[in-house]
N, C-alpha and C. Protein backbone atom coordinates (compact mmCIF):
# COMPACT_ATOMS: atom_id res chain seq x y z
N MET A 1 3.52 6.57 3.03
CA MET A 1 2.62 5.50 2.35
C MET A 1 3.66 4.54 2.26
N SER A 2 2.86 3.11 1.92
CA SER A 2 3.99 2.17 1.80
C SER A 2 4.35 2.03 0.31
N PHE A 3 5.70 1.13 0.33
CA PHE A 3 6.15 0.96 -1.27
C PHE A 3 6.32 2.04 -1.91
N GLY A 4 6.69 3.18 -1.28
CA GLY A 4 7.26 4.34 -2.21
C GLY A 4 5.98 5.37 -2.75
N GLY A 5 4.82 4.75 -2.31
CA GLY A 5 3.55 5.66 -2.83
C GLY A 5 3.32 6.95 -2.05
N SER A 6 2.38 7.62 -2.37
CA SER A 6 2.09 8.98 -1.75
C SER A 6 0.44 9.32 -1.85
N ALA A 7 0.04 9.87 -1.03
CA ALA A 7 -1.47 10.40 -1.13
C ALA A 7 -1.49 11.64 -0.92
N GLU A 8 -2.57 12.39 -1.56
CA GLU A 8 -2.75 13.85 -1.45
C GLU A 8 -4.11 14.04 -1.56
N PRO A 9 -4.63 14.96 -0.74
CA PRO A 9 -5.95 15.34 -1.11
C PRO A 9 -6.57 15.63 -2.42
N TYR A 10 -7.67 15.06 -3.07
CA TYR A 10 -8.16 15.26 -4.27
C TYR A 10 -9.75 15.21 -3.98
N LEU A 11 -10.04 16.47 -4.58
CA LEU A 11 -11.61 16.60 -4.89
C LEU A 11 -12.19 16.52 -6.32
N PRO A 12 -12.83 15.28 -6.30
CA PRO A 12 -13.04 14.63 -7.66
C PRO A 12 -14.22 15.75 -8.22
N SER A 13 -14.08 15.69 -9.64
CA SER A 13 -15.08 16.32 -10.39
C SER A 13 -16.46 15.64 -10.51
N ALA A 14 -17.49 16.42 -10.82
CA ALA A 14 -18.66 15.60 -11.00
C ALA A 14 -18.87 14.33 -11.66
N ASP A 15 -18.12 14.38 -12.75
CA ASP A 15 -18.07 13.33 -13.77
C ASP A 15 -17.18 12.20 -13.17
N ASP A 16 -16.19 12.63 -12.13
CA ASP A 16 -15.52 11.41 -11.60
C ASP A 16 -16.29 10.92 -10.57
N LEU A 17 -17.19 11.50 -9.56
CA LEU A 17 -17.93 10.93 -8.87
C LEU A 17 -19.25 10.33 -9.50
N SER A 18 -19.75 10.58 -10.73
CA SER A 18 -20.44 9.82 -11.46
C SER A 18 -19.97 8.42 -11.81
N ASP A 19 -18.76 8.53 -12.20
CA ASP A 19 -18.12 7.37 -12.72
C ASP A 19 -18.05 6.19 -11.41
N ALA A 20 -17.81 6.76 -10.39
CA ALA A 20 -17.58 6.02 -9.10
C ALA A 20 -18.98 5.60 -8.56
N ARG A 21 -20.10 6.57 -8.61
CA ARG A 21 -21.16 5.97 -8.40
C ARG A 21 -21.56 4.90 -9.32
N ALA A 22 -21.32 5.17 -10.74
CA ALA A 22 -21.81 3.75 -11.28
C ALA A 22 -21.14 2.47 -10.95
N VAL A 23 -20.05 2.66 -10.42
CA VAL A 23 -19.26 1.30 -10.07
C VAL A 23 -20.40 0.92 -8.59
N LEU A 24 -20.59 1.68 -7.93
CA LEU A 24 -21.21 1.36 -6.38
C LEU A 24 -22.46 0.75 -7.26
N ASP A 25 -23.48 1.57 -8.05
CA ASP A 25 -24.32 1.14 -8.51
C ASP A 25 -24.57 -0.43 -9.06
N SER A 26 -23.63 -0.86 -9.57
CA SER A 26 -23.30 -2.05 -10.10
C SER A 26 -23.17 -3.46 -9.18
N VAL A 27 -23.27 -2.96 -7.98
CA VAL A 27 -23.01 -3.77 -6.82
C VAL A 27 -24.58 -4.08 -6.72
N PRO A 28 -25.17 -5.48 -6.82
CA PRO A 28 -26.37 -5.92 -6.32
C PRO A 28 -26.85 -5.71 -5.07
N GLU A 29 -26.09 -5.63 -3.98
CA GLU A 29 -26.30 -5.55 -2.70
C GLU A 29 -26.33 -3.89 -2.18
N GLU A 30 -27.17 -3.67 -1.20
CA GLU A 30 -27.18 -2.21 -0.48
C GLU A 30 -25.74 -2.33 0.43
N LEU A 31 -25.05 -1.14 0.11
CA LEU A 31 -23.51 -0.92 0.75
C LEU A 31 -23.69 0.00 1.86
N PHE A 32 -23.22 -0.28 2.95
CA PHE A 32 -23.05 1.01 3.90
C PHE A 32 -21.93 1.76 3.61
N HIS A 33 -20.55 1.07 3.57
CA HIS A 33 -19.52 1.79 3.29
C HIS A 33 -18.46 1.07 2.07
N ALA A 34 -18.06 1.68 1.38
CA ALA A 34 -17.03 1.16 0.40
C ALA A 34 -16.02 2.19 -0.04
N ARG A 35 -15.10 1.52 -0.98
CA ARG A 35 -14.01 2.84 -1.34
C ARG A 35 -13.78 2.29 -2.55
N VAL A 36 -14.00 3.17 -3.95
CA VAL A 36 -13.53 2.85 -5.17
C VAL A 36 -12.50 3.48 -5.36
N ASP A 37 -11.41 2.69 -5.71
CA ASP A 37 -10.08 3.13 -6.19
C ASP A 37 -10.18 3.15 -7.62
N MET A 38 -9.59 4.23 -8.26
CA MET A 38 -9.53 4.53 -9.60
C MET A 38 -8.19 4.70 -10.22
N VAL A 39 -8.03 4.79 -11.49
CA VAL A 39 -6.79 5.51 -11.97
C VAL A 39 -7.22 6.02 -13.41
N ARG A 40 -6.49 7.36 -13.61
CA ARG A 40 -6.70 7.78 -14.71
C ARG A 40 -6.00 7.33 -16.07
N ALA A 41 -6.72 6.93 -17.14
CA ALA A 41 -6.08 6.24 -18.25
C ALA A 41 -5.66 7.42 -18.92
N GLU A 42 -4.66 7.14 -20.01
CA GLU A 42 -3.93 8.21 -20.42
C GLU A 42 -5.00 9.07 -21.74
N ASP A 43 -6.00 8.68 -21.94
CA ASP A 43 -6.96 9.06 -22.74
C ASP A 43 -7.86 9.78 -21.60
N GLY A 44 -7.68 9.95 -20.41
CA GLY A 44 -8.55 10.74 -19.56
C GLY A 44 -9.76 9.98 -18.74
N SER A 45 -9.98 8.91 -19.20
CA SER A 45 -11.08 8.18 -18.58
C SER A 45 -10.67 7.65 -17.27
N LEU A 46 -11.36 7.33 -16.54
CA LEU A 46 -11.27 6.63 -15.23
C LEU A 46 -11.51 4.92 -15.20
N LEU A 47 -10.39 4.02 -14.69
CA LEU A 47 -10.41 2.76 -14.81
C LEU A 47 -10.64 2.20 -13.32
N LEU A 48 -11.18 1.42 -12.99
CA LEU A 48 -11.60 0.90 -11.81
C LEU A 48 -10.24 0.06 -11.39
N MET A 49 -9.52 0.25 -10.31
CA MET A 49 -8.48 -0.72 -9.75
C MET A 49 -8.84 -1.46 -8.91
N GLU A 50 -9.86 -1.08 -7.96
CA GLU A 50 -10.30 -2.04 -6.81
C GLU A 50 -11.52 -1.32 -6.15
N LEU A 51 -12.39 -2.11 -5.78
CA LEU A 51 -13.75 -1.84 -4.92
C LEU A 51 -13.75 -2.44 -3.79
N GLU A 52 -13.22 -1.58 -2.82
CA GLU A 52 -13.06 -2.38 -1.49
C GLU A 52 -14.28 -2.41 -0.68
N LEU A 53 -14.80 -3.42 -0.44
CA LEU A 53 -16.14 -3.56 0.42
C LEU A 53 -15.99 -4.22 1.71
N ILE A 54 -14.82 -4.86 1.93
CA ILE A 54 -14.72 -5.56 3.32
C ILE A 54 -14.38 -5.04 4.23
N GLU A 55 -13.08 -4.50 4.02
CA GLU A 55 -12.27 -3.50 5.41
C GLU A 55 -11.65 -2.60 4.50
N PRO A 56 -12.51 -1.42 4.10
CA PRO A 56 -11.56 -0.52 3.57
C PRO A 56 -10.96 0.76 4.27
N TYR A 57 -9.91 1.03 3.88
CA TYR A 57 -9.06 2.11 4.61
C TYR A 57 -9.89 3.24 4.27
N LEU A 58 -10.52 3.95 5.15
CA LEU A 58 -11.27 5.22 4.65
C LEU A 58 -10.70 6.67 4.84
N PHE A 59 -9.27 6.74 5.34
CA PHE A 59 -8.40 7.94 5.44
C PHE A 59 -9.25 8.84 6.31
N ILE A 60 -9.77 8.16 7.40
CA ILE A 60 -10.30 9.33 8.37
C ILE A 60 -9.34 10.29 9.10
N ASP A 61 -8.23 9.68 9.15
CA ASP A 61 -7.39 10.75 9.80
C ASP A 61 -6.96 12.06 9.07
N ASP A 62 -7.49 11.90 7.74
CA ASP A 62 -7.41 13.01 6.67
C ASP A 62 -8.55 13.80 6.64
N ALA A 63 -9.73 13.38 7.21
CA ALA A 63 -11.16 13.97 7.41
C ALA A 63 -11.64 13.75 8.70
N PRO A 64 -11.21 14.17 9.82
CA PRO A 64 -11.80 14.13 10.97
C PRO A 64 -13.35 14.38 11.26
N GLU A 65 -13.83 15.48 10.39
CA GLU A 65 -15.25 15.48 10.70
C GLU A 65 -16.24 14.54 9.72
N PHE A 66 -15.38 13.50 9.45
CA PHE A 66 -16.14 12.29 8.59
C PHE A 66 -16.46 11.40 9.91
N VAL A 67 -15.85 11.44 10.96
CA VAL A 67 -15.76 10.30 11.98
C VAL A 67 -17.19 10.41 12.58
N HIS A 68 -17.70 11.40 12.87
CA HIS A 68 -19.04 11.88 13.51
C HIS A 68 -20.23 11.24 12.35
N ALA A 69 -20.32 11.69 11.28
CA ALA A 69 -21.22 11.12 10.18
C ALA A 69 -21.09 9.44 10.27
N PHE A 70 -19.80 8.97 10.13
CA PHE A 70 -19.74 7.54 9.86
C PHE A 70 -20.42 6.80 11.12
N ALA A 71 -19.88 7.32 12.48
CA ALA A 71 -20.56 6.66 13.72
C ALA A 71 -22.05 6.77 13.69
N GLU A 72 -22.58 7.86 13.39
CA GLU A 72 -24.07 8.08 13.17
C GLU A 72 -24.69 7.01 12.09
N GLY A 73 -24.28 6.75 11.02
CA GLY A 73 -24.61 5.92 10.15
C GLY A 73 -24.71 4.56 10.64
N TYR A 74 -23.43 3.95 11.45
CA TYR A 74 -23.42 2.81 11.84
C TYR A 74 -24.41 2.50 12.77
N ALA A 75 -24.76 3.60 13.89
CA ALA A 75 -25.83 3.63 14.88
C ALA A 75 -26.88 3.49 14.18
N ALA A 76 -27.38 4.18 13.05
CA ALA A 76 -28.74 4.18 12.49
C ALA A 76 -28.73 2.72 12.01
N LEU A 77 -27.85 2.26 11.38
CA LEU A 77 -27.81 0.80 10.62
C LEU A 77 -28.44 -0.22 11.77
N PHE A 78 -27.65 -0.15 13.31
CA PHE A 78 -28.04 -1.07 14.13
C PHE A 78 -29.36 -1.02 14.90
N GLU A 79 -29.77 0.42 14.80
CA GLU A 79 -31.14 0.55 15.01
C GLU A 79 -32.20 0.03 14.29
N MET A 80 -32.05 0.02 13.01
CA MET A 80 -33.00 -0.71 12.07
C MET A 80 -32.92 -2.23 12.01
N ALA A 81 -31.80 -2.95 12.87
CA ALA A 81 -31.91 -4.24 12.98
C ALA A 81 -32.83 -4.77 14.01
C-alpha cells in the first residue's frame, strides 16, 4: 500500500454493516456502487472517513468472485436504460 499503509481482509459485524448502510442511505440518489471508508474511534464507534462515489477502488483483486457479480450489475443497469 502507499505511504506505509497496509490492507487486511476484514469481515464487518452486523453493526458495522448497519453503520455503513446508514451512510449510504443518507445519499439522496440511487447508487450502483460506492465505498464507505470508516475508522473505529477510541469508544468503539465508527466514524466516516470517506464516501467514495465517483471512482472507488473496490479491491477486486482481493475478491475475484466479485468481478462476475459486478459485471452483471453493470449489464443490468445498461439494459434498463
